[in-house]
Protein backbone atom coordinates (compact mmCIF):
# COMPACT_ATOMS: atom_id res chain seq x y z
CA MET A 1 -1.01 2.03 21.42
CA ASN A 2 -4.69 1.19 21.14
CA GLN A 3 -5.82 -1.74 19.02
CA PRO A 4 -6.41 -0.43 15.49
CA GLN A 5 -10.02 -0.41 14.32
CA ALA A 6 -10.64 -2.27 11.10
CA LEU A 7 -13.07 -4.14 8.88
CA ILE A 8 -12.16 -7.81 8.36
CA LEU A 9 -13.29 -8.72 4.85
CA GLN A 10 -11.87 -12.24 4.71
CA GLN A 11 -10.36 -14.53 7.34
CA PRO A 12 -9.35 -17.97 6.07
CA SER A 13 -9.40 -20.97 8.37
CA PRO A 14 -7.32 -22.36 9.93
CA LYS A 15 -4.50 -20.03 8.83
CA ALA A 16 -3.97 -17.34 6.22
CA ALA A 17 -1.29 -17.74 3.57
CA GLN A 18 -1.10 -14.02 2.80
CA LEU A 19 -2.14 -10.76 4.46
CA ILE A 20 -3.59 -7.91 2.41
CA LEU A 21 -4.13 -4.68 4.32
CA LEU A 22 -6.12 -1.81 2.81
CA PHE A 23 -5.76 1.85 3.79
CA HIS A 24 -8.31 4.55 2.88
CA GLY A 25 -7.98 8.21 1.96
CA VAL A 26 -8.42 11.23 4.22
CA GLY A 27 -12.01 11.85 5.29
CA SER A 28 -13.06 8.30 4.43
CA ASN A 29 -13.11 5.05 6.42
CA ALA A 30 -12.51 1.32 6.17
CA GLN A 31 -16.01 0.66 4.83
CA SER A 32 -15.16 2.64 1.68
CA LEU A 33 -12.66 -0.09 0.78
CA ALA A 34 -15.16 -2.95 0.90
CA ASP A 35 -15.38 -3.38 -2.88
CA LEU A 36 -11.60 -3.31 -3.25
CA GLY A 37 -11.30 -5.82 -0.43
CA GLN A 38 -13.86 -8.15 -1.97
CA ALA A 39 -11.93 -8.09 -5.24
CA TYR A 40 -8.79 -9.18 -3.41
CA ALA A 41 -10.69 -11.77 -1.38
CA GLN A 42 -12.05 -13.36 -4.54
CA ALA A 43 -8.62 -13.42 -6.20
CA PHE A 44 -6.79 -14.66 -3.08
CA PRO A 45 -9.07 -17.04 -1.15
CA GLN A 46 -6.25 -17.99 1.24
CA ALA A 47 -5.47 -14.38 2.16
CA MET A 48 -6.65 -12.48 5.21
CA VAL A 49 -8.02 -9.20 3.86
CA VAL A 50 -8.47 -6.28 6.26
CA ALA A 51 -9.45 -2.64 5.68
CA VAL A 52 -7.85 -0.53 8.41
CA ASP A 53 -9.36 2.65 9.83
CA ALA A 54 -7.02 5.60 10.27
CA PRO A 55 -6.60 6.50 13.95
CA HIS A 56 -7.83 10.11 14.00
CA PRO A 57 -11.24 11.68 13.29
CA SER A 58 -11.26 13.60 10.02
CA GLU A 59 -11.17 17.39 10.17
CA ILE A 60 -12.89 17.70 6.81
CA ALA A 61 -15.57 14.99 6.74
CA PRO A 62 -17.88 14.03 9.64
CA GLY A 63 -17.61 10.31 10.33
CA GLY A 64 -14.40 10.03 8.35
CA ARG A 65 -10.89 9.25 9.56
CA GLN A 66 -7.39 10.49 8.80
CA TRP A 67 -3.78 9.54 9.43
CA PHE A 68 -2.69 13.17 9.44
CA SER A 69 -4.29 16.56 8.99
CA VAL A 70 -4.34 18.12 5.52
CA THR A 71 -5.28 21.53 6.88
CA GLY A 72 -2.50 23.90 5.92
CA VAL A 73 -0.42 21.07 4.52
CA THR A 74 2.70 21.99 2.54
CA GLU A 75 5.49 20.03 0.88
CA GLU A 76 7.63 20.60 3.96
CA ASN A 77 5.19 19.86 6.77
CA ARG A 78 3.63 16.89 4.98
CA VAL A 79 6.84 14.98 5.62
CA GLU A 80 6.76 15.93 9.31
CA ARG A 81 3.12 14.88 9.66
CA VAL A 82 3.72 11.54 7.96
CA ASP A 83 6.80 10.84 10.09
CA ALA A 84 4.84 11.64 13.25
CA VAL A 85 2.13 9.05 12.57
CA LEU A 86 4.27 6.39 10.84
CA PRO A 87 4.87 4.47 14.11
CA ALA A 88 1.09 4.10 14.54
CA PHE A 89 0.79 2.93 10.93
CA GLU A 90 3.48 0.30 11.41
CA PHE A 91 1.91 -0.75 14.71
CA ALA A 92 -1.36 -1.42 12.87
CA VAL A 93 0.43 -3.53 10.27
CA ARG A 94 2.25 -5.58 12.89
CA HIS A 95 -0.97 -6.04 14.85
CA TRP A 96 -2.64 -7.71 11.88
CA GLN A 97 0.48 -9.71 11.09
CA GLU A 98 0.29 -11.16 14.59
CA ARG A 99 -3.44 -11.82 14.24
CA SER A 100 -3.00 -13.55 10.90
CA GLY A 101 0.29 -15.32 11.53
CA VAL A 102 1.67 -13.86 8.29
CA GLY A 103 5.09 -12.23 8.21
CA THR A 104 6.61 -9.42 6.20
CA ALA A 105 7.22 -11.48 3.06
CA GLY A 106 3.55 -12.44 2.79
CA THR A 107 2.14 -8.99 3.55
CA ALA A 108 0.87 -6.50 0.97
CA LEU A 109 -0.18 -2.93 1.76
CA VAL A 110 -2.74 -1.40 -0.59
CA GLY A 111 -3.35 2.30 -0.05
CA PHE A 112 -5.53 4.89 -1.72
CA SER A 113 -4.71 8.62 -1.54
CA GLN A 114 -3.53 9.36 2.02
CA GLY A 115 -3.44 5.62 2.67
CA ALA A 116 -1.04 5.30 -0.26
CA ILE A 117 1.16 8.07 1.15
CA MET A 118 1.44 6.17 4.41
CA ALA A 119 2.11 2.82 2.71
CA LEU A 120 4.87 4.34 0.58
CA ALA A 121 6.42 5.99 3.63
CA ALA A 122 6.52 2.60 5.35
CA ALA A 123 8.25 1.13 2.28
CA LEU A 124 11.16 3.54 2.71
CA ARG A 125 12.09 2.22 6.15
CA PRO A 126 15.34 0.21 6.41
CA GLU A 127 13.29 -2.80 7.56
CA PRO A 128 9.86 -2.37 5.93
CA VAL A 129 6.82 -4.06 7.44
CA ALA A 130 5.61 -5.43 4.08
CA ALA A 131 7.17 -6.84 0.94
CA ARG A 132 4.59 -5.43 -1.47
CA VAL A 133 3.03 -1.97 -1.64
CA ILE A 134 0.34 -0.89 -4.07
CA ALA A 135 -0.22 2.87 -4.10
CA ILE A 136 -3.39 4.04 -5.84
CA GLY A 137 -3.76 7.77 -6.45
CA GLY A 138 -0.99 8.52 -3.99
CA ARG A 139 2.53 9.90 -3.78
CA PHE A 140 5.73 9.84 -1.79
CA ALA A 141 5.72 12.39 1.01
CA ARG A 142 9.44 12.53 0.26
CA LEU A 143 11.07 10.87 -2.72
CA PRO A 144 13.40 8.03 -1.74
CA GLU A 145 17.06 9.00 -1.54
CA ALA A 146 18.59 5.54 -1.15
CA PRO A 147 17.83 2.10 -2.59
CA LEU A 148 14.87 0.40 -0.96
CA HIS A 149 15.08 -2.89 0.90
CA GLU A 150 15.96 -5.65 -1.57
CA GLY A 151 12.80 -7.53 -0.64
CA SER A 152 10.48 -4.66 -1.57
CA THR A 153 8.27 -4.39 -4.64
CA LEU A 154 6.21 -1.25 -5.29
CA HIS A 155 3.33 -0.66 -7.68
CA LEU A 156 2.25 2.90 -8.50
CA LEU A 157 -1.25 3.24 -10.00
CA HIS A 158 -2.79 6.57 -10.95
CA GLY A 159 -5.59 8.15 -12.95
CA LYS A 160 -4.38 10.66 -15.52
CA ALA A 161 -7.40 12.91 -14.84
CA ASP A 162 -6.71 13.01 -11.08
CA ALA A 163 -7.22 16.64 -10.03
CA VAL A 164 -6.58 15.99 -6.32
CA MET A 165 -3.26 14.16 -6.54
CA PRO A 166 -1.81 14.90 -10.01
CA TYR A 167 -0.42 11.89 -11.85
CA SER A 168 2.91 13.70 -12.14
CA HIS A 169 3.60 12.40 -8.63
CA ALA A 170 3.50 8.84 -9.99
CA ILE A 171 5.87 9.81 -12.80
CA ASP A 172 8.30 11.48 -10.39
CA GLY A 173 8.17 8.48 -8.08
CA ALA A 174 8.73 6.04 -10.93
CA MET A 175 11.73 7.97 -12.25
CA ARG A 176 13.33 8.00 -8.81
CA LEU A 177 12.65 4.31 -8.19
CA LYS A 178 14.15 3.43 -11.56
CA ALA A 179 17.26 5.48 -10.81
CA LEU A 180 17.65 3.64 -7.50
CA GLY A 181 17.24 0.20 -9.07
CA THR A 182 14.06 -0.61 -7.15
CA ASP A 183 11.69 -3.37 -8.22
CA PHE A 184 8.53 -1.49 -9.22
CA THR A 185 5.80 -0.95 -11.78
CA ALA A 186 3.98 2.27 -12.65
CA ASP A 187 0.71 2.62 -14.53
CA VAL A 188 -1.22 5.79 -15.43
CA LEU A 189 -4.73 5.18 -16.77
CA PRO A 190 -6.40 7.83 -18.97
CA PHE A 191 -9.77 9.47 -18.20
CA ILE A 192 -9.73 8.36 -14.55
CA GLY A 193 -9.80 10.82 -11.66
CA HIS A 194 -9.10 10.57 -7.94
CA GLU A 195 -11.17 7.48 -7.27
CA LEU A 196 -11.10 3.74 -6.78
CA HIS A 197 -12.22 3.25 -10.35
CA PRO A 198 -13.03 -0.35 -11.35
CA ASP A 199 -10.15 -0.31 -13.84
CA LEU A 200 -7.71 0.68 -11.08
CA VAL A 201 -9.14 -1.98 -8.78
CA GLU A 202 -8.72 -4.63 -11.47
CA LEU A 203 -5.15 -3.53 -12.12
CA ALA A 204 -4.34 -3.47 -8.40
CA VAL A 205 -5.44 -7.09 -8.09
CA GLU A 206 -3.52 -8.10 -11.21
CA LYS A 207 -0.30 -6.66 -9.80
CA LEU A 208 -0.36 -9.12 -6.90
CA GLN A 209 -1.48 -11.97 -9.12
CA GLN A 210 0.88 -11.59 -12.06
CA HIS A 211 3.97 -9.57 -11.15
CA VAL A 212 6.86 -11.78 -10.11
CA PRO A 213 9.08 -9.80 -7.72
CA ALA A 214 12.65 -9.33 -8.89
CA ARG A 215 13.93 -11.05 -5.75
CA LEU A 216 12.37 -14.30 -7.01
CA TRP A 217 13.94 -14.18 -10.46
CA LEU A 218 16.53 -16.86 -11.05
CA GLN A 219 20.13 -15.71 -11.10
CA PRO A 220 22.91 -17.46 -13.03
CA GLY A 221 23.87 -20.66 -11.27
CA GLU A 222 20.68 -20.90 -9.22
CA ASP A 223 18.19 -23.72 -9.58
CA ASN A 224 14.41 -23.77 -9.48
CA SER A 225 14.21 -25.73 -6.25
CA ALA A 226 16.11 -23.05 -4.35
CA LYS A 227 13.65 -20.39 -5.49
CA ASP A 228 10.59 -22.55 -4.99
CA ASN A 229 11.47 -22.89 -1.32
CA SER A 230 12.19 -19.21 -0.73
């Protein structure tokens, strides 16, 4: 596969402690994620922050990119289209993991709209490429049918006034994740549409800053030192 095109927004020296990869919506490009990336860069000065361009030219917006076509998309063929391009998505993630020296546990995928669809699809894999996924204004192409990898934490963020990707998708996803016992959070913000609204950006950053993944919670009989070294 060709080297994925991207916009590097922060590259710590000599080595990154975390990797935060951003994925845009259909018809947009990596540059559209600059403000989101700067917010993460400010909050995580030791993280490598990269906005990744989708591999294909957009069919609906000149100069834009897409992971898959939305022309004639249905509930059935959306799954097929996502599955077809998922290897390229995972290749892009692994490429930047190699560049940064950061592994799965230190990687977070932050997707908006179609980028969120792809990030959530990657989270359903038996061996996901990232431990954290933040989906903004997105949805599952297919709802998960089995428990996710025990190291995964998902955050679903949505605007209640979203007319492009109704917030009901976030509710459906949250209900399924809860039923499966997955570590997740879900937030629906009123009066916000299908956009990277500043309130959603702030919340997306807070999720990585403040949410302690369930896998790091102490279990009976465990001590702090064991968890501190995990």
